[in-house]
ModelCIF file with pLDDT and N, C-alpha, C, O atoms, coordinates in Angstrom:
data_MODEL
#
_entry.id   MODEL 
#
_entity.id                         1 
_entity.type                       polymer 
_entity.pdbx_number_of_molecules   1 
#
_entity_poly.entity_id                      1 
_entity_poly.type                           'polypeptide(L)' 
_entity_poly.nstd_linkage                   no 
_entity_poly.nstd_monomer                   no 
_entity_poly.pdbx_seq_one_letter_code       SLKPEDTAVYYCNAYIQTEEVVSTKNNYWGQGT 
_entity_poly.pdbx_seq_one_letter_code_can   SLKPEDTAVYYCNAYIQTEEVVSTKNNYWGQGT 
_entity_poly.pdbx_strand_id                 A 
#
loop_
_entity_poly_seq.entity_id 
_entity_poly_seq.num 
_entity_poly_seq.mon_id 
_entity_poly_seq.hetero 
1 1  SER n 
1 2  LEU n 
1 3  LYS n 
1 4  PRO n 
1 5  GLU n 
1 6  ASP n 
1 7  THR n 
1 8  ALA n 
1 9  VAL n 
1 10 TYR n 
1 11 TYR n 
1 12 CYS n 
1 13 ASN n 
1 14 ALA n 
1 15 TYR n 
1 16 ILE n 
1 17 GLN n 
1 18 THR n 
1 19 GLU n 
1 20 GLU n 
1 21 VAL n 
1 22 VAL n 
1 23 SER n 
1 24 THR n 
1 25 LYS n 
1 26 ASN n 
1 27 ASN n 
1 28 TYR n 
1 29 TRP n 
1 30 GLY n 
1 31 GLN n 
1 32 GLY n 
1 33 THR n 
#
_struct_asym.id          A 
_struct_asym.entity_id   1 
#
loop_
_ma_qa_metric.id 
_ma_qa_metric.mode 
_ma_qa_metric.name 
_ma_qa_metric.software_group_id 
_ma_qa_metric.type 
1 global pLDDT . pLDDT 
2 local  pLDDT . pLDDT 
#
_ma_qa_metric_global.metric_id      1 
_ma_qa_metric_global.metric_value   95.82 
_ma_qa_metric_global.model_id       1 
_ma_qa_metric_global.ordinal_id     1 
#
loop_
_ma_qa_metric_local.label_asym_id 
_ma_qa_metric_local.label_comp_id 
_ma_qa_metric_local.label_seq_id 
_ma_qa_metric_local.metric_id 
_ma_qa_metric_local.metric_value 
_ma_qa_metric_local.model_id 
_ma_qa_metric_local.ordinal_id 
A SER 1  2 98.00 1 1  
A LEU 2  2 98.00 1 2  
A LYS 3  2 98.00 1 3  
A PRO 4  2 98.00 1 4  
A GLU 5  2 97.00 1 5  
A ASP 6  2 98.00 1 6  
A THR 7  2 98.00 1 7  
A ALA 8  2 98.00 1 8  
A VAL 9  2 98.00 1 9  
A TYR 10 2 98.00 1 10 
A TYR 11 2 98.00 1 11 
A CYS 12 2 98.00 1 12 
A ASN 13 2 97.00 1 13 
A ALA 14 2 96.00 1 14 
A TYR 15 2 95.00 1 15 
A ILE 16 2 95.00 1 16 
A GLN 17 2 94.00 1 17 
A THR 18 2 94.00 1 18 
A GLU 19 2 93.00 1 19 
A GLU 20 2 92.00 1 20 
A VAL 21 2 91.00 1 21 
A VAL 22 2 90.00 1 22 
A SER 23 2 93.00 1 23 
A THR 24 2 93.00 1 24 
A LYS 25 2 93.00 1 25 
A ASN 26 2 95.00 1 26 
A ASN 27 2 95.00 1 27 
A TYR 28 2 96.00 1 28 
A TRP 29 2 97.00 1 29 
A GLY 30 2 97.00 1 30 
A GLN 31 2 97.00 1 31 
A GLY 32 2 97.00 1 32 
A THR 33 2 97.00 1 33 
#
loop_
_atom_site.group_PDB 
_atom_site.id 
_atom_site.type_symbol 
_atom_site.label_atom_id 
_atom_site.label_alt_id 
_atom_site.label_comp_id 
_atom_site.label_asym_id 
_atom_site.label_entity_id 
_atom_site.label_seq_id 
_atom_site.pdbx_PDB_ins_code 
_atom_site.Cartn_x 
_atom_site.Cartn_y 
_atom_site.Cartn_z 
_atom_site.occupancy 
_atom_site.B_iso_or_equiv 
_atom_site.pdbx_formal_charge 
_atom_site.auth_seq_id 
_atom_site.auth_comp_id 
_atom_site.auth_asym_id 
_atom_site.auth_atom_id 
_atom_site.pdbx_PDB_model_num 
ATOM 1   N N  . SER A 1 1  ? 25.799 -37.237 -134.713 1.00 98.00 ? 1  SER A N  1 
ATOM 2   C CA . SER A 1 1  ? 25.133 -38.527 -134.926 1.00 98.00 ? 1  SER A CA 1 
ATOM 3   C C  . SER A 1 1  ? 25.937 -39.416 -135.859 1.00 98.00 ? 1  SER A C  1 
ATOM 4   O O  . SER A 1 1  ? 25.397 -39.990 -136.805 1.00 98.00 ? 1  SER A O  1 
ATOM 5   N N  . LEU A 1 2  ? 27.214 -39.524 -135.590 1.00 98.00 ? 2  LEU A N  1 
ATOM 6   C CA . LEU A 1 2  ? 28.107 -40.266 -136.475 1.00 98.00 ? 2  LEU A CA 1 
ATOM 7   C C  . LEU A 1 2  ? 27.764 -41.750 -136.506 1.00 98.00 ? 2  LEU A C  1 
ATOM 8   O O  . LEU A 1 2  ? 27.358 -42.339 -135.504 1.00 98.00 ? 2  LEU A O  1 
ATOM 9   N N  . LYS A 1 3  ? 27.940 -42.332 -137.682 1.00 98.00 ? 3  LYS A N  1 
ATOM 10  C CA . LYS A 1 3  ? 27.666 -43.741 -137.921 1.00 98.00 ? 3  LYS A CA 1 
ATOM 11  C C  . LYS A 1 3  ? 28.942 -44.446 -138.360 1.00 98.00 ? 3  LYS A C  1 
ATOM 12  O O  . LYS A 1 3  ? 29.849 -43.800 -138.884 1.00 98.00 ? 3  LYS A O  1 
ATOM 13  N N  . PRO A 1 4  ? 29.030 -45.755 -138.159 1.00 98.00 ? 4  PRO A N  1 
ATOM 14  C CA . PRO A 1 4  ? 30.222 -46.477 -138.625 1.00 98.00 ? 4  PRO A CA 1 
ATOM 15  C C  . PRO A 1 4  ? 30.507 -46.273 -140.105 1.00 98.00 ? 4  PRO A C  1 
ATOM 16  O O  . PRO A 1 4  ? 31.670 -46.258 -140.507 1.00 98.00 ? 4  PRO A O  1 
ATOM 17  N N  . GLU A 1 5  ? 29.479 -46.118 -140.918 1.00 97.00 ? 5  GLU A N  1 
ATOM 18  C CA . GLU A 1 5  ? 29.684 -45.902 -142.339 1.00 97.00 ? 5  GLU A CA 1 
ATOM 19  C C  . GLU A 1 5  ? 30.278 -44.540 -142.674 1.00 97.00 ? 5  GLU A C  1 
ATOM 20  O O  . GLU A 1 5  ? 30.635 -44.290 -143.825 1.00 97.00 ? 5  GLU A O  1 
ATOM 21  N N  . ASP A 1 6  ? 30.390 -43.659 -141.688 1.00 98.00 ? 6  ASP A N  1 
ATOM 22  C CA . ASP A 1 6  ? 31.077 -42.394 -141.881 1.00 98.00 ? 6  ASP A CA 1 
ATOM 23  C C  . ASP A 1 6  ? 32.597 -42.542 -141.793 1.00 98.00 ? 6  ASP A C  1 
ATOM 24  O O  . ASP A 1 6  ? 33.330 -41.596 -142.081 1.00 98.00 ? 6  ASP A O  1 
ATOM 25  N N  . THR A 1 7  ? 33.064 -43.707 -141.403 1.00 98.00 ? 7  THR A N  1 
ATOM 26  C CA . THR A 1 7  ? 34.498 -43.946 -141.280 1.00 98.00 ? 7  THR A CA 1 
ATOM 27  C C  . THR A 1 7  ? 35.187 -43.771 -142.628 1.00 98.00 ? 7  THR A C  1 
ATOM 28  O O  . THR A 1 7  ? 34.819 -44.418 -143.608 1.00 98.00 ? 7  THR A O  1 
ATOM 29  N N  . ALA A 1 8  ? 36.179 -42.900 -142.673 1.00 98.00 ? 8  ALA A N  1 
ATOM 30  C CA . ALA A 1 8  ? 36.884 -42.591 -143.914 1.00 98.00 ? 8  ALA A CA 1 
ATOM 31  C C  . ALA A 1 8  ? 37.999 -41.601 -143.615 1.00 98.00 ? 8  ALA A C  1 
ATOM 32  O O  . ALA A 1 8  ? 38.097 -41.062 -142.512 1.00 98.00 ? 8  ALA A O  1 
ATOM 33  N N  . VAL A 1 9  ? 38.835 -41.375 -144.618 1.00 98.00 ? 9  VAL A N  1 
ATOM 34  C CA . VAL A 1 9  ? 39.760 -40.257 -144.575 1.00 98.00 ? 9  VAL A CA 1 
ATOM 35  C C  . VAL A 1 9  ? 39.040 -39.056 -145.169 1.00 98.00 ? 9  VAL A C  1 
ATOM 36  O O  . VAL A 1 9  ? 38.514 -39.127 -146.279 1.00 98.00 ? 9  VAL A O  1 
ATOM 37  N N  . TYR A 1 10 ? 39.019 -37.973 -144.440 1.00 98.00 ? 10 TYR A N  1 
ATOM 38  C CA . TYR A 1 10 ? 38.335 -36.760 -144.874 1.00 98.00 ? 10 TYR A CA 1 
ATOM 39  C C  . TYR A 1 10 ? 39.351 -35.751 -145.381 1.00 98.00 ? 10 TYR A C  1 
ATOM 40  O O  . TYR A 1 10 ? 40.354 -35.476 -144.723 1.00 98.00 ? 10 TYR A O  1 
ATOM 41  N N  . TYR A 1 11 ? 39.081 -35.202 -146.561 1.00 98.00 ? 11 TYR A N  1 
ATOM 42  C CA . TYR A 1 11 ? 39.992 -34.278 -147.217 1.00 98.00 ? 11 TYR A CA 1 
ATOM 43  C C  . TYR A 1 11 ? 39.344 -32.915 -147.400 1.00 98.00 ? 11 TYR A C  1 
ATOM 44  O O  . TYR A 1 11 ? 38.211 -32.814 -147.870 1.00 98.00 ? 11 TYR A O  1 
ATOM 45  N N  . CYS A 1 12 ? 40.053 -31.891 -147.034 1.00 98.00 ? 12 CYS A N  1 
ATOM 46  C CA . CYS A 1 12 ? 39.626 -30.531 -147.312 1.00 98.00 ? 12 CYS A CA 1 
ATOM 47  C C  . CYS A 1 12 ? 39.963 -30.177 -148.758 1.00 98.00 ? 12 CYS A C  1 
ATOM 48  O O  . CYS A 1 12 ? 41.016 -30.558 -149.269 1.00 98.00 ? 12 CYS A O  1 
ATOM 49  N N  . ASN A 1 13 ? 39.078 -29.460 -149.401 1.00 97.00 ? 13 ASN A N  1 
ATOM 50  C CA . ASN A 1 13 ? 39.269 -29.060 -150.791 1.00 97.00 ? 13 ASN A CA 1 
ATOM 51  C C  . ASN A 1 13 ? 38.835 -27.611 -150.961 1.00 97.00 ? 13 ASN A C  1 
ATOM 52  O O  . ASN A 1 13 ? 37.853 -27.175 -150.361 1.00 97.00 ? 13 ASN A O  1 
ATOM 53  N N  . ALA A 1 14 ? 39.577 -26.863 -151.788 1.00 96.00 ? 14 ALA A N  1 
ATOM 54  C CA . ALA A 1 14 ? 39.225 -25.469 -152.016 1.00 96.00 ? 14 ALA A CA 1 
ATOM 55  C C  . ALA A 1 14 ? 39.661 -25.023 -153.396 1.00 96.00 ? 14 ALA A C  1 
ATOM 56  O O  . ALA A 1 14 ? 40.695 -25.452 -153.907 1.00 96.00 ? 14 ALA A O  1 
ATOM 57  N N  . TYR A 1 15 ? 38.855 -24.154 -153.995 1.00 95.00 ? 15 TYR A N  1 
ATOM 58  C CA . TYR A 1 15 ? 39.210 -23.476 -155.231 1.00 95.00 ? 15 TYR A CA 1 
ATOM 59  C C  . TYR A 1 15 ? 39.634 -22.065 -154.856 1.00 95.00 ? 15 TYR A C  1 
ATOM 60  O O  . TYR A 1 15 ? 38.842 -21.279 -154.336 1.00 95.00 ? 15 TYR A O  1 
ATOM 61  N N  . ILE A 1 16 ? 40.899 -21.759 -155.131 1.00 95.00 ? 16 ILE A N  1 
ATOM 62  C CA . ILE A 1 16 ? 41.503 -20.529 -154.647 1.00 95.00 ? 16 ILE A CA 1 
ATOM 63  C C  . ILE A 1 16 ? 42.196 -19.803 -155.787 1.00 95.00 ? 16 ILE A C  1 
ATOM 64  O O  . ILE A 1 16 ? 42.917 -20.411 -156.577 1.00 95.00 ? 16 ILE A O  1 
ATOM 65  N N  . GLN A 1 17 ? 41.972 -18.494 -155.865 1.00 94.00 ? 17 GLN A N  1 
ATOM 66  C CA . GLN A 1 17 ? 42.718 -17.636 -156.765 1.00 94.00 ? 17 GLN A CA 1 
ATOM 67  C C  . GLN A 1 17 ? 43.853 -16.983 -155.992 1.00 94.00 ? 17 GLN A C  1 
ATOM 68  O O  . GLN A 1 17 ? 43.649 -16.436 -154.909 1.00 94.00 ? 17 GLN A O  1 
ATOM 69  N N  . THR A 1 18 ? 45.050 -17.048 -156.561 1.00 94.00 ? 18 THR A N  1 
ATOM 70  C CA . THR A 1 18 ? 46.205 -16.462 -155.902 1.00 94.00 ? 18 THR A CA 1 
ATOM 71  C C  . THR A 1 18 ? 46.529 -15.064 -156.420 1.00 94.00 ? 18 THR A C  1 
ATOM 72  O O  . THR A 1 18 ? 47.290 -14.325 -155.795 1.00 94.00 ? 18 THR A O  1 
ATOM 73  N N  . GLU A 1 19 ? 45.947 -14.703 -157.565 1.00 93.00 ? 19 GLU A N  1 
ATOM 74  C CA . GLU A 1 19 ? 46.107 -13.370 -158.138 1.00 93.00 ? 19 GLU A CA 1 
ATOM 75  C C  . GLU A 1 19 ? 44.752 -12.875 -158.620 1.00 93.00 ? 19 GLU A C  1 
ATOM 76  O O  . GLU A 1 19 ? 43.765 -13.610 -158.574 1.00 93.00 ? 19 GLU A O  1 
ATOM 77  N N  . GLU A 1 20 ? 44.703 -11.633 -159.082 1.00 92.00 ? 20 GLU A N  1 
ATOM 78  C CA . GLU A 1 20 ? 43.439 -11.039 -159.490 1.00 92.00 ? 20 GLU A CA 1 
ATOM 79  C C  . GLU A 1 20 ? 42.851 -11.685 -160.744 1.00 92.00 ? 20 GLU A C  1 
ATOM 80  O O  . GLU A 1 20 ? 41.632 -11.679 -160.920 1.00 92.00 ? 20 GLU A O  1 
ATOM 81  N N  . VAL A 1 21 ? 43.686 -12.239 -161.613 1.00 91.00 ? 21 VAL A N  1 
ATOM 82  C CA . VAL A 1 21 ? 43.207 -12.852 -162.841 1.00 91.00 ? 21 VAL A CA 1 
ATOM 83  C C  . VAL A 1 21 ? 42.666 -14.242 -162.551 1.00 91.00 ? 21 VAL A C  1 
ATOM 84  O O  . VAL A 1 21 ? 43.184 -14.961 -161.697 1.00 91.00 ? 21 VAL A O  1 
ATOM 85  N N  . VAL A 1 22 ? 41.603 -14.612 -163.285 1.00 90.00 ? 22 VAL A N  1 
ATOM 86  C CA . VAL A 1 22 ? 40.929 -15.881 -163.065 1.00 90.00 ? 22 VAL A CA 1 
ATOM 87  C C  . VAL A 1 22 ? 41.840 -17.069 -163.376 1.00 90.00 ? 22 VAL A C  1 
ATOM 88  O O  . VAL A 1 22 ? 41.680 -18.140 -162.792 1.00 90.00 ? 22 VAL A O  1 
ATOM 89  N N  . SER A 1 23 ? 42.788 -16.887 -164.285 1.00 93.00 ? 23 SER A N  1 
ATOM 90  C CA . SER A 1 23 ? 43.673 -17.979 -164.670 1.00 93.00 ? 23 SER A CA 1 
ATOM 91  C C  . SER A 1 23 ? 44.512 -18.507 -163.518 1.00 93.00 ? 23 SER A C  1 
ATOM 92  O O  . SER A 1 23 ? 45.109 -19.578 -163.633 1.00 93.00 ? 23 SER A O  1 
ATOM 93  N N  . THR A 1 24 ? 44.568 -17.784 -162.420 1.00 93.00 ? 24 THR A N  1 
ATOM 94  C CA . THR A 1 24 ? 45.318 -18.241 -161.255 1.00 93.00 ? 24 THR A CA 1 
ATOM 95  C C  . THR A 1 24 ? 44.477 -19.114 -160.327 1.00 93.00 ? 24 THR A C  1 
ATOM 96  O O  . THR A 1 24 ? 44.964 -19.539 -159.279 1.00 93.00 ? 24 THR A O  1 
ATOM 97  N N  . LYS A 1 25 ? 43.237 -19.387 -160.686 1.00 93.00 ? 25 LYS A N  1 
ATOM 98  C CA . LYS A 1 25 ? 42.360 -20.223 -159.871 1.00 93.00 ? 25 LYS A CA 1 
ATOM 99  C C  . LYS A 1 25 ? 42.783 -21.681 -159.986 1.00 93.00 ? 25 LYS A C  1 
ATOM 100 O O  . LYS A 1 25 ? 42.924 -22.215 -161.086 1.00 93.00 ? 25 LYS A O  1 
ATOM 101 N N  . ASN A 1 26 ? 42.979 -22.309 -158.851 1.00 95.00 ? 26 ASN A N  1 
ATOM 102 C CA . ASN A 1 26 ? 43.398 -23.703 -158.814 1.00 95.00 ? 26 ASN A CA 1 
ATOM 103 C C  . ASN A 1 26 ? 42.684 -24.452 -157.704 1.00 95.00 ? 26 ASN A C  1 
ATOM 104 O O  . ASN A 1 26 ? 42.158 -23.868 -156.757 1.00 95.00 ? 26 ASN A O  1 
ATOM 105 N N  . ASN A 1 27 ? 42.686 -25.758 -157.857 1.00 95.00 ? 27 ASN A N  1 
ATOM 106 C CA . ASN A 1 27 ? 42.076 -26.651 -156.888 1.00 95.00 ? 27 ASN A CA 1 
ATOM 107 C C  . ASN A 1 27 ? 43.159 -27.158 -155.936 1.00 95.00 ? 27 ASN A C  1 
ATOM 108 O O  . ASN A 1 27 ? 44.195 -27.657 -156.374 1.00 95.00 ? 27 ASN A O  1 
ATOM 109 N N  . TYR A 1 28 ? 42.912 -27.027 -154.631 1.00 96.00 ? 28 TYR A N  1 
ATOM 110 C CA . TYR A 1 28 ? 43.884 -27.441 -153.631 1.00 96.00 ? 28 TYR A CA 1 
ATOM 111 C C  . TYR A 1 28 ? 43.272 -28.470 -152.701 1.00 96.00 ? 28 TYR A C  1 
ATOM 112 O O  . TYR A 1 28 ? 42.069 -28.459 -152.442 1.00 96.00 ? 28 TYR A O  1 
ATOM 113 N N  . TRP A 1 29 ? 44.119 -29.360 -152.204 1.00 97.00 ? 29 TRP A N  1 
ATOM 114 C CA . TRP A 1 29 ? 43.699 -30.427 -151.309 1.00 97.00 ? 29 TRP A CA 1 
ATOM 115 C C  . TRP A 1 29 ? 44.525 -30.424 -150.037 1.00 97.00 ? 29 TRP A C  1 
ATOM 116 O O  . TRP A 1 29 ? 45.724 -30.145 -150.061 1.00 97.00 ? 29 TRP A O  1 
ATOM 117 N N  . GLY A 1 30 ? 43.882 -30.734 -148.939 1.00 97.00 ? 30 GLY A N  1 
ATOM 118 C CA . GLY A 1 30 ? 44.588 -30.970 -147.703 1.00 97.00 ? 30 GLY A CA 1 
ATOM 119 C C  . GLY A 1 30 ? 45.161 -32.372 -147.669 1.00 97.00 ? 30 GLY A C  1 
ATOM 120 O O  . GLY A 1 30 ? 44.964 -33.157 -148.596 1.00 97.00 ? 30 GLY A O  1 
ATOM 121 N N  . GLN A 1 31 ? 45.869 -32.680 -146.602 1.00 97.00 ? 31 GLN A N  1 
ATOM 122 C CA . GLN A 1 31 ? 46.556 -33.960 -146.500 1.00 97.00 ? 31 GLN A CA 1 
ATOM 123 C C  . GLN A 1 31 ? 45.639 -35.101 -146.074 1.00 97.00 ? 31 GLN A C  1 
ATOM 124 O O  . GLN A 1 31 ? 46.003 -36.270 -146.209 1.00 97.00 ? 31 GLN A O  1 
ATOM 125 N N  . GLY A 1 32 ? 44.477 -34.781 -145.573 1.00 97.00 ? 32 GLY A N  1 
ATOM 126 C CA . GLY A 1 32 ? 43.530 -35.777 -145.114 1.00 97.00 ? 32 GLY A CA 1 
ATOM 127 C C  . GLY A 1 32 ? 43.633 -36.024 -143.623 1.00 97.00 ? 32 GLY A C  1 
ATOM 128 O O  . GLY A 1 32 ? 44.718 -35.968 -143.044 1.00 97.00 ? 32 GLY A O  1 
ATOM 129 N N  . THR A 1 33 ? 42.493 -36.298 -143.007 1.00 97.00 ? 33 THR A N  1 
ATOM 130 C CA . THR A 1 33 ? 42.454 -36.632 -141.592 1.00 97.00 ? 33 THR A CA 1 
ATOM 131 C C  . THR A 1 33 ? 41.511 -37.815 -141.395 1.00 97.00 ? 33 THR A C  1 
ATOM 132 O O  . THR A 1 33 ? 41.322 -38.273 -140.268 1.00 97.00 ? 33 THR A O  1 
#
């Protein structure tokens, strides 16, 4: 049920840990679509 006001660039976002320790948790972004 998309509306014209939904028009935008949409970005994926994730909080990801790359190692077992919490200090490796970082915020990552996609390039946008």
